[in-house]
Amino acid sequence: MTGFRPVHGVYLSSTLDLEGLYGNAIQAAGDEVVLHRPEQVSDPERISFAVCWLPTAESVKAYPNLKLAMSIGAGVNDLLDNPGIGPEVAIARVRDPHQAALMAGYAAHEVLHVSR
C-alpha cells in the first residue's frame, strides 16, 4: 500500500508499565498504530495520541501535535484537570474488559481498610 503512514502515540505514566499492560493489544492492530515509550520518541511532533495514567503536565506538553489523550482509569478527571492538556486535545477513557473486576477489588480493599 503506497502512502500509508501509521498513527504514532506515546505511553505517559511514571508509575505503571503501560506497554506491559497494553502492548500486546496494540501490536494486534498491526502496523496501523505505533506506540512508543517517551524515551523512544525521536520526533515529538509525530505523536498524535497518548495512552495515560496520571501524566504530568510537562510530559504532555512535550508533544505539540497531541490530538487525543486516553486515560486507562475509570474516569478522566486527571486529564481534564491536567494543565498540560489544552482544549484542542480530545479526552477519552480506555475501555478495558478487566477494569470492572479491578475496580471491584479496589472497592473491597478500601471497605476492608476503613472497617479495620
PDB file of N, CA and C in Angstrom:
ATOM      1  N   MET A   1       0.848  -1.166   0.000  1.00  0.00           N
ATOM      2  CA  MET A   1       0.000   0.000   0.000  1.00  0.00           C
ATOM      3  C   MET A   1       0.900   1.238   0.000  1.00  0.00           C
ATOM      4  N   THR A   2       0.732   2.104  -0.964  1.00  0.00           N
ATOM      5  CA  THR A   2       1.563   3.297  -1.034  1.00  0.00           C
ATOM      6  C   THR A   2       0.911   4.443  -0.272  1.00  0.00           C
ATOM      7  N   GLY A   3       1.742   5.294   0.296  1.00  0.00           N
ATOM      8  CA  GLY A   3       1.264   6.445   1.028  1.00  0.00           C
ATOM      9  C   GLY A   3       0.751   6.138   2.421  1.00  0.00           C
ATOM     10  N   PHE A   4       0.836   4.904   2.838  1.00  0.00           N
ATOM     11  CA  PHE A   4       0.375   4.521   4.172  1.00  0.00           C
ATOM     12  C   PHE A   4       1.328   5.056   5.222  1.00  0.00           C
ATOM     13  N   ARG A   5       0.759   5.722   6.249  1.00  0.00           N
ATOM     14  CA  ARG A   5       1.550   6.181   7.379  1.00  0.00           C
ATOM     15  C   ARG A   5       0.829   5.801   8.661  1.00  0.00           C
ATOM     16  N   PRO A   6       1.513   5.107   9.541  1.00  0.00           N
ATOM     17  CA  PRO A   6       0.852   4.720  10.791  1.00  0.00           C
ATOM     18  C   PRO A   6       0.607   5.925  11.698  1.00  0.00           C
ATOM     19  N   VAL A   7      -0.314   5.752  12.621  1.00  0.00           N
ATOM     20  CA  VAL A   7      -0.595   6.749  13.644  1.00  0.00           C
ATOM     21  C   VAL A   7       0.350   6.471  14.807  1.00  0.00           C
ATOM     22  N   HIS A   8       1.027   7.514  15.284  1.00  0.00           N
ATOM     23  CA  HIS A   8       2.002   7.354  16.362  1.00  0.00           C
ATOM     24  C   HIS A   8       1.472   7.914  17.669  1.00  0.00           C
ATOM     25  N   GLY A   9       1.692   7.140  18.733  1.00  0.00           N
ATOM     26  CA  GLY A   9       1.279   7.553  20.065  1.00  0.00           C
ATOM     27  C   GLY A   9       2.385   7.310  21.067  1.00  0.00           C
ATOM     28  N   VAL A  10       2.110   7.701  22.308  1.00  0.00           N
ATOM     29  CA  VAL A  10       3.101   7.569  23.375  1.00  0.00           C
ATOM     30  C   VAL A  10       2.395   7.099  24.650  1.00  0.00           C
ATOM     31  N   TYR A  11       3.094   6.267  25.405  1.00  0.00           N
ATOM     32  CA  TYR A  11       2.634   5.867  26.732  1.00  0.00           C
ATOM     33  C   TYR A  11       3.088   6.946  27.716  1.00  0.00           C
ATOM     34  N   LEU A  12       2.176   7.480  28.527  1.00  0.00           N
ATOM     35  CA  LEU A  12       2.551   8.501  29.508  1.00  0.00           C
ATOM     36  C   LEU A  12       2.138   8.071  30.917  1.00  0.00           C
ATOM     37  N   SER A  13       3.090   7.532  31.658  1.00  0.00           N
ATOM     38  CA  SER A  13       2.892   7.184  33.062  1.00  0.00           C
ATOM     39  C   SER A  13       4.254   7.032  33.704  1.00  0.00           C
ATOM     40  N   SER A  14       4.392   7.591  34.885  1.00  0.00           N
ATOM     41  CA  SER A  14       5.659   7.412  35.604  1.00  0.00           C
ATOM     42  C   SER A  14       5.556   6.287  36.627  1.00  0.00           C
ATOM     43  N   THR A  15       4.355   5.719  36.805  1.00  0.00           N
ATOM     44  CA  THR A  15       4.173   4.698  37.833  1.00  0.00           C
ATOM     45  C   THR A  15       3.738   3.334  37.307  1.00  0.00           C
ATOM     46  N   LEU A  16       3.171   3.272  36.115  1.00  0.00           N
ATOM     47  CA  LEU A  16       2.710   1.999  35.560  1.00  0.00           C
ATOM     48  C   LEU A  16       3.421   1.672  34.262  1.00  0.00           C
ATOM     49  N   ASP A  17       3.628   0.390  34.008  1.00  0.00           N
ATOM     50  CA  ASP A  17       4.188  -0.076  32.741  1.00  0.00           C
ATOM     51  C   ASP A  17       3.036  -0.258  31.757  1.00  0.00           C
ATOM     52  N   LEU A  18       2.646   0.824  31.093  1.00  0.00           N
ATOM     53  CA  LEU A  18       1.520   0.778  30.175  1.00  0.00           C
ATOM     54  C   LEU A  18       1.806  -0.103  28.962  1.00  0.00           C
ATOM     55  N   GLU A  19       3.054  -0.135  28.544  1.00  0.00           N
ATOM     56  CA  GLU A  19       3.402  -1.010  27.428  1.00  0.00           C
ATOM     57  C   GLU A  19       3.188  -2.473  27.821  1.00  0.00           C
ATOM     58  N   GLY A  20       3.542  -2.821  29.044  1.00  0.00           N
ATOM     59  CA  GLY A  20       3.318  -4.174  29.530  1.00  0.00           C
ATOM     60  C   GLY A  20       1.835  -4.513  29.607  1.00  0.00           C
ATOM     61  N   LEU A  21       1.018  -3.540  29.960  1.00  0.00           N
ATOM     62  CA  LEU A  21      -0.418  -3.759  30.082  1.00  0.00           C
ATOM     63  C   LEU A  21      -1.129  -3.804  28.729  1.00  0.00           C
ATOM     64  N   TYR A  22      -0.724  -2.952  27.798  1.00  0.00           N
ATOM     65  CA  TYR A  22      -1.467  -2.787  26.553  1.00  0.00           C
ATOM     66  C   TYR A  22      -0.671  -3.097  25.284  1.00  0.00           C
ATOM     67  N   GLY A  23       0.619  -3.400  25.429  1.00  0.00           N
ATOM     68  CA  GLY A  23       1.453  -3.617  24.255  1.00  0.00           C
ATOM     69  C   GLY A  23       0.967  -4.702  23.324  1.00  0.00           C
ATOM     70  N   ASN A  24       0.541  -5.840  23.862  1.00  0.00           N
ATOM     71  CA  ASN A  24       0.070  -6.935  23.018  1.00  0.00           C
ATOM     72  C   ASN A  24      -1.174  -6.546  22.233  1.00  0.00           C
ATOM     73  N   ALA A  25      -2.090  -5.821  22.873  1.00  0.00           N
ATOM     74  CA  ALA A  25      -3.301  -5.386  22.181  1.00  0.00           C
ATOM     75  C   ALA A  25      -2.971  -4.401  21.066  1.00  0.00           C
ATOM     76  N   ILE A  26      -2.016  -3.525  21.317  1.00  0.00           N
ATOM     77  CA  ILE A  26      -1.618  -2.552  20.294  1.00  0.00           C
ATOM     78  C   ILE A  26      -0.941  -3.269  19.126  1.00  0.00           C
ATOM     79  N   GLN A  27      -0.093  -4.233  19.425  1.00  0.00           N
ATOM     80  CA  GLN A  27       0.577  -4.993  18.359  1.00  0.00           C
ATOM     81  C   GLN A  27      -0.427  -5.741  17.500  1.00  0.00           C
ATOM     82  N   ALA A  28      -1.543  -6.160  18.096  1.00  0.00           N
ATOM     83  CA  ALA A  28      -2.574  -6.863  17.340  1.00  0.00           C
ATOM     84  C   ALA A  28      -3.212  -5.962  16.283  1.00  0.00           C
ATOM     85  N   ALA A  29      -3.093  -4.647  16.455  1.00  0.00           N
ATOM     86  CA  ALA A  29      -3.637  -3.703  15.473  1.00  0.00           C
ATOM     87  C   ALA A  29      -2.791  -3.669  14.209  1.00  0.00           C
ATOM     88  N   GLY A  30      -1.644  -4.321  14.250  1.00  0.00           N
ATOM     89  CA  GLY A  30      -0.771  -4.343  13.080  1.00  0.00           C
ATOM     90  C   GLY A  30       0.073  -3.088  12.984  1.00  0.00           C
ATOM     91  N   ASP A  31       0.366  -2.710  11.766  1.00  0.00           N
ATOM     92  CA  ASP A  31       1.249  -1.576  11.512  1.00  0.00           C
ATOM     93  C   ASP A  31       0.528  -0.230  11.512  1.00  0.00           C
ATOM     94  N   GLU A  32      -0.781  -0.241  11.742  1.00  0.00           N
ATOM     95  CA  GLU A  32      -1.550   0.996  11.662  1.00  0.00           C
ATOM     96  C   GLU A  32      -1.332   1.914  12.858  1.00  0.00           C
ATOM     97  N   VAL A  33      -1.007   1.325  14.010  1.00  0.00           N
ATOM     98  CA  VAL A  33      -0.818   2.091  15.241  1.00  0.00           C
ATOM     99  C   VAL A  33       0.536   1.729  15.829  1.00  0.00           C
ATOM    100  N   VAL A  34       1.339   2.747  16.146  1.00  0.00           N
ATOM    101  CA  VAL A  34       2.643   2.543  16.753  1.00  0.00           C
ATOM    102  C   VAL A  34       2.690   3.353  18.043  1.00  0.00           C
ATOM    103  N   LEU A  35       2.926   2.662  19.161  1.00  0.00           N
ATOM    104  CA  LEU A  35       3.035   3.333  20.449  1.00  0.00           C
ATOM    105  C   LEU A  35       4.469   3.254  20.942  1.00  0.00           C
ATOM    106  N   HIS A  36       4.959   4.354  21.501  1.00  0.00           N
ATOM    107  CA  HIS A  36       6.338   4.458  21.963  1.00  0.00           C
ATOM    108  C   HIS A  36       6.371   4.780  23.453  1.00  0.00           C
ATOM    109  N   ARG A  37       7.430   4.347  24.105  1.00  0.00           N
ATOM    110  CA  ARG A  37       7.752   4.884  25.424  1.00  0.00           C
ATOM    111  C   ARG A  37       8.344   6.278  25.180  1.00  0.00           C
ATOM    112  N   PRO A  38       8.207   7.201  26.126  1.00  0.00           N
ATOM    113  CA  PRO A  38       8.728   8.556  25.893  1.00  0.00           C
ATOM    114  C   PRO A  38      10.201   8.595  25.479  1.00  0.00           C
ATOM    115  N   GLU A  39      11.031   7.733  26.073  1.00  0.00           N
ATOM    116  CA  GLU A  39      12.452   7.749  25.724  1.00  0.00           C
ATOM    117  C   GLU A  39      12.732   7.228  24.318  1.00  0.00           C
ATOM    118  N   GLN A  40      11.747   6.620  23.681  1.00  0.00           N
ATOM    119  CA  GLN A  40      11.910   6.111  22.320  1.00  0.00           C
ATOM    120  C   GLN A  40      11.480   7.120  21.256  1.00  0.00           C
ATOM    121  N   VAL A  41      10.864   8.214  21.668  1.00  0.00           N
ATOM    122  CA  VAL A  41      10.327   9.195  20.719  1.00  0.00           C
ATOM    123  C   VAL A  41      11.454  10.075  20.211  1.00  0.00           C
ATOM    124  N   SER A  42      11.712   9.990  18.907  1.00  0.00           N
ATOM    125  CA  SER A  42      12.752  10.826  18.311  1.00  0.00           C
ATOM    126  C   SER A  42      12.172  12.103  17.701  1.00  0.00           C
ATOM    127  N   ASP A  43      10.883  12.069  17.360  1.00  0.00           N
ATOM    128  CA  ASP A  43      10.223  13.235  16.771  1.00  0.00           C
ATOM    129  C   ASP A  43       8.903  13.488  17.505  1.00  0.00           C
ATOM    130  N   PRO A  44       8.925  14.317  18.554  1.00  0.00           N
ATOM    131  CA  PRO A  44       7.703  14.561  19.342  1.00  0.00           C
ATOM    132  C   PRO A  44       6.540  15.112  18.517  1.00  0.00           C
ATOM    133  N   GLU A  45       6.824  15.784  17.418  1.00  0.00           N
ATOM    134  CA  GLU A  45       5.756  16.353  16.595  1.00  0.00           C
ATOM    135  C   GLU A  45       4.953  15.271  15.870  1.00  0.00           C
ATOM    136  N   ARG A  46       5.493  14.076  15.757  1.00  0.00           N
ATOM    137  CA  ARG A  46       4.812  12.970  15.070  1.00  0.00           C
ATOM    138  C   ARG A  46       3.759  12.313  15.967  1.00  0.00           C
ATOM    139  N   ILE A  47       3.844  12.535  17.267  1.00  0.00           N
ATOM    140  CA  ILE A  47       2.932  11.907  18.225  1.00  0.00           C
ATOM    141  C   ILE A  47       1.576  12.609  18.190  1.00  0.00           C
ATOM    142  N   SER A  48       0.508  11.833  17.932  1.00  0.00           N
ATOM    143  CA  SER A  48      -0.827  12.429  17.864  1.00  0.00           C
ATOM    144  C   SER A  48      -1.762  11.972  18.981  1.00  0.00           C
ATOM    145  N   PHE A  49      -1.371  10.918  19.737  1.00  0.00           N
ATOM    146  CA  PHE A  49      -2.212  10.495  20.848  1.00  0.00           C
ATOM    147  C   PHE A  49      -1.358   9.931  21.975  1.00  0.00           C
ATOM    148  N   ALA A  50      -1.948   9.870  23.160  1.00  0.00           N
ATOM    149  CA  ALA A  50      -1.248   9.355  24.335  1.00  0.00           C
ATOM    150  C   ALA A  50      -2.170   8.435  25.119  1.00  0.00           C
ATOM    151  N   VAL A  51      -1.606   7.319  25.559  1.00  0.00           N
ATOM    152  CA  VAL A  51      -2.289   6.421  26.494  1.00  0.00           C
ATOM    153  C   VAL A  51      -1.719   6.785  27.862  1.00  0.00           C
ATOM    154  N   CYS A  52      -2.583   7.208  28.792  1.00  0.00           N
ATOM    155  CA  CYS A  52      -2.116   7.864  30.013  1.00  0.00           C
ATOM    156  C   CYS A  52      -2.581   7.206  31.297  1.00  0.00           C
ATOM    157  N   TRP A  53      -1.709   7.322  32.291  1.00  0.00           N
ATOM    158  CA  TRP A  53      -2.074   7.081  33.686  1.00  0.00           C
ATOM    159  C   TRP A  53      -1.394   8.167  34.496  1.00  0.00           C
ATOM    160  N   LEU A  54      -2.178   9.133  34.959  1.00  0.00           N
ATOM    161  CA  LEU A  54      -1.697  10.251  35.770  1.00  0.00           C
ATOM    162  C   LEU A  54      -0.456  10.933  35.178  1.00  0.00           C
ATOM    163  N   PRO A  55      -0.544  11.408  33.951  1.00  0.00           N
ATOM    164  CA  PRO A  55       0.623  12.066  33.354  1.00  0.00           C
ATOM    165  C   PRO A  55       0.874  13.436  33.971  1.00  0.00           C
ATOM    166  N   THR A  56       2.134  13.836  34.006  1.00  0.00           N
ATOM    167  CA  THR A  56       2.443  15.184  34.479  1.00  0.00           C
ATOM    168  C   THR A  56       2.153  16.178  33.359  1.00  0.00           C
ATOM    169  N   ALA A  57       1.967  17.423  33.724  1.00  0.00           N
ATOM    170  CA  ALA A  57       1.742  18.468  32.721  1.00  0.00           C
ATOM    171  C   ALA A  57       2.925  18.580  31.775  1.00  0.00           C
ATOM    172  N   GLU A  58       4.132  18.447  32.312  1.00  0.00           N
ATOM    173  CA  GLU A  58       5.335  18.552  31.487  1.00  0.00           C
ATOM    174  C   GLU A  58       5.423  17.410  30.478  1.00  0.00           C
ATOM    175  N   SER A  59       5.029  16.207  30.892  1.00  0.00           N
ATOM    176  CA  SER A  59       5.123  15.079  29.973  1.00  0.00           C
ATOM    177  C   SER A  59       4.154  15.242  28.805  1.00  0.00           C
ATOM    178  N   VAL A  60       3.008  15.835  29.050  1.00  0.00           N
ATOM    179  CA  VAL A  60       2.033  16.046  27.982  1.00  0.00           C
ATOM    180  C   VAL A  60       2.482  17.168  27.046  1.00  0.00           C
ATOM    181  N   LYS A  61       3.014  18.234  27.626  1.00  0.00           N
ATOM    182  CA  LYS A  61       3.442  19.391  26.831  1.00  0.00           C
ATOM    183  C   LYS A  61       4.560  19.057  25.849  1.00  0.00           C
ATOM    184  N   ALA A  62       5.240  17.950  26.046  1.00  0.00           N
ATOM    185  CA  ALA A  62       6.346  17.560  25.162  1.00  0.00           C
ATOM    186  C   ALA A  62       5.872  17.186  23.766  1.00  0.00           C
ATOM    187  N   TYR A  63       4.562  17.029  23.575  1.00  0.00           N
ATOM    188  CA  TYR A  63       4.022  16.576  22.291  1.00  0.00           C
ATOM    189  C   TYR A  63       3.075  17.627  21.718  1.00  0.00           C
ATOM    190  N   PRO A  64       3.585  18.534  20.900  1.00  0.00           N
ATOM    191  CA  PRO A  64       2.812  19.691  20.453  1.00  0.00           C
ATOM    192  C   PRO A  64       1.638  19.359  19.529  1.00  0.00           C
ATOM    193  N   ASN A  65       1.636  18.206  18.893  1.00  0.00           N
ATOM    194  CA  ASN A  65       0.556  17.854  17.965  1.00  0.00           C
ATOM    195  C   ASN A  65      -0.407  16.822  18.538  1.00  0.00           C
ATOM    196  N   LEU A  66      -0.456  16.744  19.857  1.00  0.00           N
ATOM    197  CA  LEU A  66      -1.343  15.794  20.517  1.00  0.00           C
ATOM    198  C   LEU A  66      -2.792  16.133  20.187  1.00  0.00           C
ATOM    199  N   LYS A  67      -3.533  15.133  19.737  1.00  0.00           N
ATOM    200  CA  LYS A  67      -4.942  15.325  19.386  1.00  0.00           C
ATOM    201  C   LYS A  67      -5.874  14.560  20.324  1.00  0.00           C
ATOM    202  N   LEU A  68      -5.326  13.522  21.008  1.00  0.00           N
ATOM    203  CA  LEU A  68      -6.148  12.662  21.849  1.00  0.00           C
ATOM    204  C   LEU A  68      -5.330  12.191  23.047  1.00  0.00           C
ATOM    205  N   ALA A  69      -5.930  12.276  24.238  1.00  0.00           N
ATOM    206  CA  ALA A  69      -5.332  11.731  25.457  1.00  0.00           C
ATOM    207  C   ALA A  69      -6.331  10.732  26.028  1.00  0.00           C
ATOM    208  N   MET A  70      -5.870   9.496  26.241  1.00  0.00           N
ATOM    209  CA  MET A  70      -6.750   8.433  26.730  1.00  0.00           C
ATOM    210  C   MET A  70      -6.312   7.991  28.113  1.00  0.00           C
ATOM    211  N   SER A  71      -7.243   8.024  29.049  1.00  0.00           N
ATOM    212  CA  SER A  71      -6.971   7.592  30.415  1.00  0.00           C
ATOM    213  C   SER A  71      -7.282   6.110  30.548  1.00  0.00           C
ATOM    214  N   ILE A  72      -6.395   5.361  31.214  1.00  0.00           N
ATOM    215  CA  ILE A  72      -6.684   3.949  31.462  1.00  0.00           C
ATOM    216  C   ILE A  72      -7.509   3.779  32.725  1.00  0.00           C
ATOM    217  N   GLY A  73      -7.732   4.859  33.461  1.00  0.00           N
ATOM    218  CA  GLY A  73      -8.509   4.800  34.692  1.00  0.00           C
ATOM    219  C   GLY A  73      -9.999   4.765  34.413  1.00  0.00           C
ATOM    220  N   ALA A  74     -10.769   4.578  35.470  1.00  0.00           N
ATOM    221  CA  ALA A  74     -12.221   4.513  35.338  1.00  0.00           C
ATOM    222  C   ALA A  74     -12.818   5.868  34.954  1.00  0.00           C
ATOM    223  N   GLY A  75     -12.102   6.939  35.230  1.00  0.00           N
ATOM    224  CA  GLY A  75     -12.580   8.280  34.901  1.00  0.00           C
ATOM    225  C   GLY A  75     -11.512   9.070  34.169  1.00  0.00           C
ATOM    226  N   VAL A  76     -11.846  10.300  33.831  1.00  0.00           N
ATOM    227  CA  VAL A  76     -10.917  11.143  33.082  1.00  0.00           C
ATOM    228  C   VAL A  76     -10.598  12.455  33.797  1.00  0.00           C
ATOM    229  N   ASN A  77     -10.976  12.569  35.072  1.00  0.00           N
ATOM    230  CA  ASN A  77     -10.753  13.828  35.795  1.00  0.00           C
ATOM    231  C   ASN A  77      -9.295  14.239  35.821  1.00  0.00           C
ATOM    232  N   ASP A  78      -8.378  13.261  35.950  1.00  0.00           N
ATOM    233  CA  ASP A  78      -6.960  13.619  35.985  1.00  0.00           C
ATOM    234  C   ASP A  78      -6.519  14.255  34.673  1.00  0.00           C
ATOM    235  N   LEU A  79      -7.133  13.882  33.570  1.00  0.00           N
ATOM    236  CA  LEU A  79      -6.790  14.507  32.288  1.00  0.00           C
ATOM    237  C   LEU A  79      -7.493  15.848  32.131  1.00  0.00           C
ATOM    238  N   LEU A  80      -8.742  15.931  32.558  1.00  0.00           N
ATOM    239  CA  LEU A  80      -9.469  17.199  32.470  1.00  0.00           C
ATOM    240  C   LEU A  80      -8.807  18.285  33.313  1.00  0.00           C
ATOM    241  N   ASP A  81      -8.217  17.893  34.431  1.00  0.00           N
ATOM    242  CA  ASP A  81      -7.576  18.843  35.336  1.00  0.00           C
ATOM    243  C   ASP A  81      -6.095  19.071  35.039  1.00  0.00           C
ATOM    244  N   ASN A  82      -5.558  18.389  34.050  1.00  0.00           N
ATOM    245  CA  ASN A  82      -4.129  18.483  33.738  1.00  0.00           C
ATOM    246  C   ASN A  82      -3.851  19.781  32.966  1.00  0.00           C
ATOM    247  N   PRO A  83      -3.049  20.689  33.518  1.00  0.00           N
ATOM    248  CA  PRO A  83      -2.783  21.962  32.838  1.00  0.00           C
ATOM    249  C   PRO A  83      -1.971  21.811  31.549  1.00  0.00           C
ATOM    250  N   GLY A  84      -1.379  20.655  31.322  1.00  0.00           N
ATOM    251  CA  GLY A  84      -0.620  20.431  30.091  1.00  0.00           C
ATOM    252  C   GLY A  84      -1.482  20.062  28.906  1.00  0.00           C
ATOM    253  N   ILE A  85      -2.750  19.745  29.158  1.00  0.00           N
ATOM    254  CA  ILE A  85      -3.658  19.331  28.092  1.00  0.00           C
ATOM    255  C   ILE A  85      -4.563  20.501  27.742  1.00  0.00           C
ATOM    256  N   GLY A  86      -4.398  21.005  26.525  1.00  0.00           N
ATOM    257  CA  GLY A  86      -5.178  22.144  26.067  1.00  0.00           C
ATOM    258  C   GLY A  86      -6.562  21.737  25.598  1.00  0.00           C
ATOM    259  N   PRO A  87      -7.423  22.717  25.342  1.00  0.00           N
ATOM    260  CA  PRO A  87      -8.802  22.434  24.917  1.00  0.00           C
ATOM    261  C   PRO A  87      -8.893  21.782  23.536  1.00  0.00           C
ATOM    262  N   GLU A  88      -7.819  21.847  22.761  1.00  0.00           N
ATOM    263  CA  GLU A  88      -7.829  21.237  21.429  1.00  0.00           C
ATOM    264  C   GLU A  88      -7.605  19.726  21.469  1.00  0.00           C
ATOM    265  N   VAL A  89      -7.261  19.196  22.640  1.00  0.00           N
ATOM    266  CA  VAL A  89      -6.987  17.766  22.792  1.00  0.00           C
ATOM    267  C   VAL A  89      -8.256  17.052  23.259  1.00  0.00           C
ATOM    268  N   ALA A  90      -8.695  16.070  22.475  1.00  0.00           N
ATOM    269  CA  ALA A  90      -9.848  15.257  22.868  1.00  0.00           C
ATOM    270  C   ALA A  90      -9.428  14.332  24.007  1.00  0.00           C
ATOM    271  N   ILE A  91     -10.354  14.066  24.907  1.00  0.00           N
ATOM    272  CA  ILE A  91     -10.075  13.210  26.054  1.00  0.00           C
ATOM    273  C   ILE A  91     -11.034  12.020  26.008  1.00  0.00           C
ATOM    274  N   ALA A  92     -10.474  10.839  26.237  1.00  0.00           N
ATOM    275  CA  ALA A  92     -11.272   9.613  26.204  1.00  0.00           C
ATOM    276  C   ALA A  92     -10.804   8.681  27.314  1.00  0.00           C
ATOM    277  N   ARG A  93     -11.564   7.646  27.528  1.00  0.00           N
ATOM    278  CA  ARG A  93     -11.230   6.628  28.507  1.00  0.00           C
ATOM    279  C   ARG A  93     -11.030   5.310  27.767  1.00  0.00           C
ATOM    280  N   VAL A  94      -9.956   4.597  28.104  1.00  0.00           N
ATOM    281  CA  VAL A  94      -9.726   3.278  27.532  1.00  0.00           C
ATOM    282  C   VAL A  94     -10.715   2.323  28.189  1.00  0.00           C
ATOM    283  N   ARG A  95     -11.413   1.592  27.396  1.00  0.00           N
ATOM    284  CA  ARG A  95     -12.374   0.609  27.923  1.00  0.00           C
ATOM    285  C   ARG A  95     -11.680  -0.744  27.958  1.00  0.00           C
ATOM    286  N   ASP A  96     -11.426  -1.212  29.149  1.00  0.00           N
ATOM    287  CA  ASP A  96     -10.705  -2.458  29.377  1.00  0.00           C
ATOM    288  C   ASP A  96     -11.683  -3.496  29.923  1.00  0.00           C
ATOM    289  N   PRO A  97     -11.762  -4.681  29.325  1.00  0.00           N
ATOM    290  CA  PRO A  97     -12.734  -5.675  29.794  1.00  0.00           C
ATOM    291  C   PRO A  97     -12.483  -6.149  31.231  1.00  0.00           C
ATOM    292  N   HIS A  98     -11.285  -5.944  31.752  1.00  0.00           N
ATOM    293  CA  HIS A  98     -10.961  -6.388  33.104  1.00  0.00           C
ATOM    294  C   HIS A  98     -11.099  -5.267  34.141  1.00  0.00           C
ATOM    295  N   GLN A  99     -11.442  -4.087  33.689  1.00  0.00           N
ATOM    296  CA  GLN A  99     -11.480  -2.939  34.577  1.00  0.00           C
ATOM    297  C   GLN A  99     -12.544  -3.064  35.674  1.00  0.00           C
ATOM    298  N   ALA A 100     -13.683  -3.638  35.358  1.00  0.00           N
ATOM    299  CA  ALA A 100     -14.735  -3.784  36.364  1.00  0.00           C
ATOM    300  C   ALA A 100     -14.255  -4.665  37.517  1.00  0.00           C
ATOM    301  N   ALA A 101     -13.560  -5.745  37.219  1.00  0.00           N
ATOM    302  CA  ALA A 101     -13.041  -6.632  38.268  1.00  0.00           C
ATOM    303  C   ALA A 101     -11.988  -5.910  39.104  1.00  0.00           C
ATOM    304  N   LEU A 102     -11.134  -5.125  38.464  1.00  0.00           N
ATOM    305  CA  LEU A 102     -10.117  -4.372  39.193  1.00  0.00           C
ATOM    306  C   LEU A 102     -10.759  -3.333  40.117  1.00  0.00           C
ATOM    307  N   MET A 103     -11.791  -2.657  39.629  1.00  0.00           N
ATOM    308  CA  MET A 103     -12.471  -1.658  40.458  1.00  0.00           C
ATOM    309  C   MET A 103     -13.193  -2.320  41.628  1.00  0.00           C
ATOM    310  N   ALA A 104     -13.783  -3.484  41.402  1.00  0.00           N
ATOM    311  CA  ALA A 104     -14.454  -4.199  42.491  1.00  0.00           C
ATOM    312  C   ALA A 104     -13.436  -4.595  43.564  1.00  0.00           C
ATOM    313  N   GLY A 105     -12.263  -5.048  43.145  1.00  0.00           N
ATOM    314  CA  GLY A 105     -11.204  -5.386  44.095  1.00  0.00           C
ATOM    315  C   GLY A 105     -10.734  -4.174  44.876  1.00  0.00           C
ATOM    316  N   TYR A 106     -10.602  -3.057  44.186  1.00  0.00           N
ATOM    317  CA  TYR A 106     -10.189  -1.811  44.844  1.00  0.00           C
ATOM    318  C   TYR A 106     -11.242  -1.393  45.873  1.00  0.00           C
ATOM    319  N   ALA A 107     -12.516  -1.441  45.495  1.00  0.00           N
ATOM    320  CA  ALA A 107     -13.587  -1.050  46.415  1.00  0.00           C
ATOM    321  C   ALA A 107     -13.608  -1.963  47.638  1.00  0.00           C
ATOM    322  N   ALA A 108     -13.456  -3.271  47.421  1.00  0.00           N
ATOM    323  CA  ALA A 108     -13.432  -4.207  48.546  1.00  0.00           C
ATOM    324  C   ALA A 108     -12.247  -3.924  49.472  1.00  0.00           C
ATOM    325  N   HIS A 109     -11.099  -3.630  48.884  1.00  0.00           N
ATOM    326  CA  HIS A 109      -9.916  -3.301  49.676  1.00  0.00           C
ATOM    327  C   HIS A 109     -10.166  -2.074  50.537  1.00  0.00           C
ATOM    328  N   GLU A 110     -10.730  -1.032  49.953  1.00  0.00           N
ATOM    329  CA  GLU A 110     -10.982   0.205  50.701  1.00  0.00           C
ATOM    330  C   GLU A 110     -11.981  -0.013  51.824  1.00  0.00           C
ATOM    331  N   VAL A 111     -13.034  -0.782  51.580  1.00  0.00           N
ATOM    332  CA  VAL A 111     -14.021  -1.065  52.618  1.00  0.00           C
ATOM    333  C   VAL A 111     -13.366  -1.820  53.784  1.00  0.00           C
ATOM    334  N   LEU A 112     -12.557  -2.819  53.461  1.00  0.00           N
ATOM    335  CA  LEU A 112     -11.863  -3.563  54.497  1.00  0.00           C
ATOM    336  C   LEU A 112     -10.875  -2.683  55.265  1.00  0.00           C
ATOM    337  N   HIS A 113     -10.188  -1.824  54.544  1.00  0.00           N
ATOM    338  CA  HIS A 113      -9.222  -0.922  55.168  1.00  0.00           C
ATOM    339  C   HIS A 113      -9.922   0.010  56.171  1.00  0.00           C
ATOM    340  N   VAL A 114     -11.024   0.583  55.767  1.00  0.00           N
ATOM    341  CA  VAL A 114     -11.749   1.506  56.643  1.00  0.00           C
ATOM    342  C   VAL A 114     -12.334   0.757  57.839  1.00  0.00           C
ATOM    343  N   SER A 115     -12.860  -0.442  57.589  1.00  0.00           N
ATOM    344  CA  SER A 115     -13.506  -1.179  58.696  1.00  0.00           C
ATOM    345  C   SER A 115     -12.501  -1.722  59.713  1.00  0.00           C
ATOM    346  N   ARG A 116     -11.257  -1.906  59.301  1.00  0.00           N
ATOM    347  CA  ARG A 116     -10.240  -2.395  60.232  1.00  0.00           C
ATOM    348  C   ARG A 116      -9.779  -1.262  61.092  1.00  0.00           C
TER     349      ARG A 116
END
